[in-house]
Protein backbone atom coordinates (compact mmCIF):
# COMPACT_ATOMS: atom_id res chain seq x y z
CA MET A 1 -40.07 -3.28 13.94
CA ALA A 2 -42.00 -0.50 12.20
CA ALA A 3 -42.69 0.86 15.69
CA GLY A 4 -38.95 1.14 16.32
CA ARG A 5 -38.32 3.00 13.08
CA ALA A 6 -41.27 5.28 13.79
CA GLY A 7 -40.11 5.86 17.36
CA ALA A 8 -36.66 6.97 16.26
CA HIS A 9 -38.19 9.15 13.56
CA ARG A 10 -40.71 10.84 15.85
CA ALA A 11 -37.96 11.58 18.34
CA GLY A 12 -35.99 13.33 15.62
CA ARG A 13 -33.07 10.99 16.18
CA ALA A 14 -31.00 8.82 13.94
CA GLY A 15 -30.99 5.09 14.54
CA VAL A 16 -29.38 1.82 13.50
CA LEU A 17 -31.37 -1.22 12.41
CA VAL A 18 -29.72 -4.38 13.78
CA THR A 19 -30.70 -7.66 12.09
CA LEU A 20 -29.67 -11.14 13.13
CA ALA A 21 -28.60 -12.10 9.61
CA VAL A 22 -26.99 -15.52 10.10
CA VAL A 23 -27.22 -18.04 12.95
CA ARG A 24 -24.87 -21.02 13.14
CA GLY A 25 -25.62 -23.49 15.92
CA HIS A 26 -27.54 -22.35 19.00
CA ALA A 27 -28.45 -18.69 19.61
CA PRO A 28 -31.00 -16.83 21.79
CA ARG A 29 -33.06 -15.82 18.77
CA GLU A 30 -33.65 -17.00 15.24
CA ALA A 31 -32.23 -15.47 12.06
CA GLY A 32 -34.27 -12.44 11.01
CA ALA A 33 -34.76 -11.03 14.52
CA LYS A 34 -34.39 -7.25 14.53
CA MET A 35 -33.98 -4.29 16.84
CA VAL A 36 -33.54 -0.54 16.42
CA VAL A 37 -30.94 1.38 18.40
CA SER A 38 -30.86 5.15 18.96
CA VAL A 39 -28.43 7.13 21.07
CA THR A 40 -30.60 6.74 24.17
CA GLN A 41 -33.16 4.00 23.42
CA THR A 42 -33.63 0.55 21.92
CA TRP A 43 -36.68 -1.15 20.44
CA ASP A 44 -37.15 -4.96 20.36
CA THR A 45 -34.31 -7.44 20.89
CA VAL A 46 -31.86 -9.70 19.06
CA GLY A 47 -31.26 -11.94 22.06
CA GLY A 48 -30.05 -9.98 25.06
CA GLY A 49 -26.85 -10.56 27.01
CA ASN A 50 -23.37 -9.95 25.65
CA LEU A 51 -24.64 -10.40 22.09
CA GLU A 52 -27.13 -7.55 22.30
CA ALA A 53 -24.98 -5.27 24.45
CA THR A 54 -22.13 -5.57 21.96
CA ALA A 55 -24.48 -4.80 19.07
CA VAL A 56 -25.91 -1.77 20.87
CA ALA A 57 -22.43 -0.44 21.68
CA ARG A 58 -21.31 -0.83 18.06
CA ALA A 59 -24.53 0.75 16.74
CA ARG A 60 -24.04 3.79 18.96
CA ALA A 61 -20.43 4.08 17.82
CA LEU A 62 -21.76 4.26 14.24
CA LEU A 63 -24.23 6.97 15.26
CA GLU A 64 -21.50 8.97 16.98
CA THR A 65 -19.32 9.01 13.87
CA GLY A 66 -22.22 9.69 11.49
CA ALA A 67 -21.56 6.49 9.54
CA SER A 68 -23.94 5.76 6.67
CA ALA A 69 -22.63 2.44 5.31
CA PRO A 70 -23.97 -0.85 6.73
CA GLU A 71 -21.57 -3.31 8.32
CA LEU A 72 -21.46 -6.92 9.52
CA LEU A 73 -20.55 -7.99 13.05
CA THR A 74 -19.83 -11.65 13.85
CA LEU A 75 -19.90 -12.89 17.45
CA ARG A 76 -19.21 -16.33 18.95
CA LEU A 77 -21.49 -17.40 21.78
CA THR A 78 -19.08 -19.58 23.76
CA ASP A 79 -17.36 -19.26 27.11
CA ARG A 80 -14.01 -18.95 25.32
CA ALA A 81 -15.05 -15.98 23.20
CA PRO A 82 -14.41 -12.39 24.37
CA ASN A 83 -17.37 -11.31 26.50
CA GLU A 84 -17.22 -7.67 27.46
CA TYR A 85 -20.76 -7.62 28.87
CA GLY A 86 -20.97 -11.05 30.52
CA ARG A 87 -20.86 -14.69 29.44
CA GLN A 88 -23.20 -16.13 26.83
CA CYS A 89 -22.59 -19.87 26.32
CA CYS A 90 -25.26 -20.87 23.80
CA GLY A 91 -22.57 -22.58 21.73
CA GLY A 92 -23.31 -20.95 18.37
CA GLU A 93 -22.13 -18.07 16.26
CA VAL A 94 -24.15 -15.19 14.83
CA THR A 95 -23.60 -12.50 12.23
CA LEU A 96 -25.40 -9.20 12.73
CA LEU A 97 -26.15 -6.65 10.01
CA LEU A 98 -26.04 -3.04 11.27
CA GLU A 99 -27.74 -0.54 8.97
CA PRO A 100 -27.80 3.20 9.83
CA LEU A 101 -31.34 4.46 9.24
CA ARG A 102 -31.75 7.38 6.90
CA THR A 103 -35.30 8.24 8.03
CA ALA A 104 -34.38 10.66 10.80
CA PHE A 105 -33.77 14.26 9.73
CA PRO A 106 -31.80 16.77 11.80
CA VAL A 107 -34.06 19.17 13.68
CA VAL A 108 -33.75 22.96 13.45
CA ALA A 109 -36.20 25.49 14.87
CA LEU A 110 -36.54 29.17 14.00
CA PHE A 111 -38.28 31.44 16.48
CA GLY A 112 -39.45 34.65 14.83
CA ILE A 113 -40.42 34.41 11.17
CA GLY A 114 -39.85 38.02 10.23
CA HIS A 115 -37.67 39.18 7.34
CA VAL A 116 -34.55 37.29 8.43
CA GLY A 117 -36.47 34.26 9.71
CA LEU A 118 -38.34 33.89 6.43
CA GLU A 119 -35.14 34.14 4.38
CA LEU A 120 -33.41 31.62 6.65
CA GLY A 121 -36.39 29.29 6.47
CA LEU A 122 -36.27 29.44 2.69
CA LEU A 123 -32.60 28.41 2.66
CA LEU A 124 -33.12 25.57 5.14
CA SER A 125 -36.25 24.32 3.40
CA ARG A 126 -34.05 23.17 0.51
CA HIS A 127 -32.37 20.57 2.71
CA PRO A 128 -33.62 17.36 4.41
CA VAL A 129 -34.39 18.74 7.87
CA GLU A 130 -37.27 18.82 10.32
CA LEU A 131 -37.86 22.58 10.10
CA HIS A 132 -39.87 24.14 12.93
CA LEU A 133 -41.18 27.68 12.40
CA ALA A 134 -42.50 29.43 15.50
CA ASP A 135 -43.88 32.92 16.00
CA SER A 136 -46.19 34.62 18.47
CA ARG A 137 -47.76 36.55 15.57
CA ALA A 138 -50.23 34.55 13.50
CA ALA A 139 -49.81 36.91 10.54
CA GLN A 140 -46.21 35.75 10.08
CA LEU A 141 -47.31 32.14 9.62
CA THR A 142 -50.08 32.35 7.03
CA PRO A 143 -50.08 29.65 4.31
CA GLU A 144 -49.56 32.32 1.66
CA ARG A 145 -46.47 33.73 3.37
CA LEU A 146 -44.92 30.31 3.95
CA ALA A 147 -45.78 28.95 0.50
CA PRO A 148 -42.21 29.44 -0.87
CA LEU A 149 -40.88 27.15 1.88
CA ARG A 150 -43.04 24.22 0.84
CA GLY A 151 -42.30 21.66 -1.83
CA GLY A 152 -38.68 21.06 -0.85
CA PRO A 153 -37.18 18.14 1.06
CA ALA A 154 -37.65 19.79 4.46
CA ARG A 155 -40.57 18.73 6.65
CA LEU A 156 -42.27 21.89 7.93
CA HIS A 157 -43.80 22.20 11.40
CA VAL A 158 -45.57 25.51 12.02
CA HIS A 159 -46.16 26.73 15.58
CA HIS A 160 -48.28 29.79 16.31
CA SER A 161 -47.30 30.12 19.94
CA PRO A 162 -48.13 33.22 22.02
CA ILE A 163 -45.66 31.76 24.53
CA PRO A 164 -42.72 30.67 22.33
CA GLU A 165 -41.05 28.76 25.18
CA MET A 166 -43.85 26.20 24.88
CA ALA A 167 -42.81 25.43 21.30
CA LEU A 168 -39.18 25.24 22.42
CA ALA A 169 -40.13 22.62 25.03
CA GLU A 170 -41.53 20.37 22.28
CA LEU A 171 -38.21 20.04 20.45
CA PRO A 172 -36.26 16.80 20.84
CA PRO A 173 -32.85 16.77 22.54
CA GLY A 174 -30.06 17.65 20.14
CA ALA A 175 -32.12 20.11 18.11
CA CYS A 176 -30.69 23.40 16.84
CA ALA A 177 -32.60 26.58 17.76
CA VAL A 178 -32.23 30.13 16.46
CA PHE A 179 -33.96 33.07 18.15
CA LEU A 180 -34.90 35.88 15.76
CA THR A 181 -38.05 37.32 17.27
CA HIS A 182 -39.34 40.89 16.99
CA ASP A 183 -39.40 41.26 20.78
CA HIS A 184 -36.30 41.28 23.01
CA ALA A 185 -38.44 40.04 25.90
CA GLU A 186 -39.35 36.96 23.84
CA ASP A 187 -35.71 36.42 22.90
CA LEU A 188 -34.66 36.62 26.56
CA ALA A 189 -37.38 34.20 27.67
CA LEU A 190 -36.29 31.75 24.98
CA CYS A 191 -32.64 32.01 26.02
CA ASP A 192 -33.63 31.35 29.63
CA ALA A 193 -35.73 28.33 28.61
CA ALA A 194 -32.94 26.95 26.40
CA LEU A 195 -30.44 27.17 29.25
CA HIS A 196 -32.85 25.45 31.61
CA ARG A 197 -33.14 22.60 29.08
CA GLY A 198 -29.41 22.31 28.52
CA ASP A 199 -29.76 19.63 25.84
CA LEU A 200 -29.86 21.58 22.57
CA ALA A 201 -27.05 21.02 20.08
CA PHE A 202 -26.92 24.72 19.18
CA THR A 203 -28.59 27.89 20.42
CA GLY A 204 -28.19 31.05 18.37
CA LEU A 205 -29.46 34.56 19.04
CA ILE A 206 -29.64 37.45 16.61
CA GLY A 207 -28.54 40.79 18.03
CA SER A 208 -25.86 43.34 18.62
CA ALA A 209 -23.02 43.29 21.14
CA VAL A 210 -24.98 45.72 23.32
CA LYS A 211 -28.06 43.48 23.30
CA TRP A 212 -25.98 40.44 24.20
CA SER A 213 -24.21 42.27 27.02
CA ARG A 214 -27.55 43.15 28.58
CA PHE A 215 -28.85 39.62 28.07
CA ARG A 216 -25.80 38.11 29.78
CA GLU A 217 -26.41 40.30 32.82
CA GLN A 218 -30.08 39.32 33.00
CA LEU A 219 -29.36 35.62 32.49
CA ARG A 220 -26.74 35.72 35.28
CA ALA A 221 -29.28 37.44 37.50
CA ALA A 222 -31.69 34.60 36.71
CA GLY A 223 -29.18 32.12 38.11
CA HIS A 224 -27.40 30.83 35.01
CA THR A 225 -23.65 30.31 35.21
CA PRO A 226 -21.22 32.11 32.87
CA GLU A 227 -20.25 28.72 31.41
CA ALA A 228 -23.86 27.92 30.55
CA ILE A 229 -24.47 31.36 29.07
CA LYS A 230 -21.48 30.88 26.77
CA THR A 231 -23.33 28.03 25.06
CA ILE A 232 -25.52 30.66 23.38
CA THR A 233 -24.00 32.03 20.18
CA CYS A 234 -24.64 35.75 19.79
CA PRO A 235 -24.51 37.31 17.32
CA VAL A 236 -25.52 34.19 15.42
CA GLY A 237 -24.04 33.70 11.96
CA LEU A 238 -20.59 33.45 10.44
CA PRO A 239 -18.53 36.60 10.94
CA GLY A 240 -17.06 38.34 7.95
CA LEU A 241 -20.11 38.35 5.69
CA GLY A 242 -20.71 42.07 5.46
CA GLY A 243 -24.14 43.57 5.03
CA LYS A 244 -27.31 43.85 7.07
CA ALA A 245 -29.79 42.80 4.40
CA PRO A 246 -32.05 39.98 5.66
CA ALA A 247 -30.90 37.65 2.90
CA VAL A 248 -27.22 38.21 3.79
CA ILE A 249 -27.82 37.67 7.51
CA ALA A 250 -29.82 34.51 6.74
CA LEU A 251 -27.01 33.24 4.53
CA SER A 252 -24.45 33.70 7.32
CA ILE A 253 -26.66 31.83 9.81
CA ALA A 254 -27.36 28.99 7.37
CA ALA A 255 -23.63 28.62 6.72
CA GLN A 256 -23.00 28.34 10.47
CA LEU A 257 -25.78 25.78 10.93
CA TYR A 258 -25.01 23.57 7.95
CA PRO A 259 -22.00 21.66 9.36
CA LEU A 260 -23.94 21.10 12.59
CA LEU A 261 -26.96 19.70 10.77
CA PHE A 262 -24.94 17.67 8.28
CA PRO A 263 -21.59 16.76 9.82
CA ALA A 264 -19.11 15.52 7.28
CA VAL A 265 -18.23 11.84 7.50
CA PRO A 266 -14.45 11.39 7.28
CA ALA A 267 -13.43 9.61 4.10
CA PRO A 268 -11.77 6.22 4.63
CA SER A 269 -8.03 6.19 4.24
CA PRO A 270 -6.97 4.85 0.84
CA GLU A 271 -5.46 1.40 0.92
CA ARG A 272 -1.73 1.39 0.46
CA THR A 273 -0.29 -0.85 -2.20
CA PRO A 274 3.09 -2.44 -1.66
């Protein structure tokens, strides 16, 4: 089961650990059997059939809502029990424990570690994220320059990439990416690559209205639809925070990213008393 946890972690995805906690009567597997469920994959098995399909569906519902509390799920394995995914007539009853895994960090990648990128990296390094720092210039990624970003809860991944699109291709689906490079040609190539992927949770681009207008024209000429192009946020950052200082720009971008990286879990409704 360690392989399942590690697989979900390496993929940069959250997961749910499903344990066959209690078995009464006959069941496909013994108590203690485990599996890990991510949004797109599963590892190991708790018995297959309706039992497992129901557990997987419930686990993915927990992932979708960002739930953090474990829960129990009891299923009867008889032909009279509700069977949404096919009959399972072993004759027993099982209770499953579903535990959201806290090992997977959200993934955010910064392309261009100049003044703004370094300030933004510093802010994000104080949070539990997989933080990717990519730049085509080796001088921007020296250990001395990045030293202030180390020591926090973030896990740093440094990419010196003369072709930044290659580093972009290594990100898992659902990652957030922000393009802040020193070269508009690099920014445009990254935007094109992000649109070709189409599976990033957020794509942000630093720049003016004039820059973005020109980029939209070039991206349309490259074959991207207006709807796809609209998935890129430019200028990136919350509007209304005045000032062009790198620290202020970084603060506005971090504020825009934060609810995407750490979506709030709705509080349960208080129980009403008669």
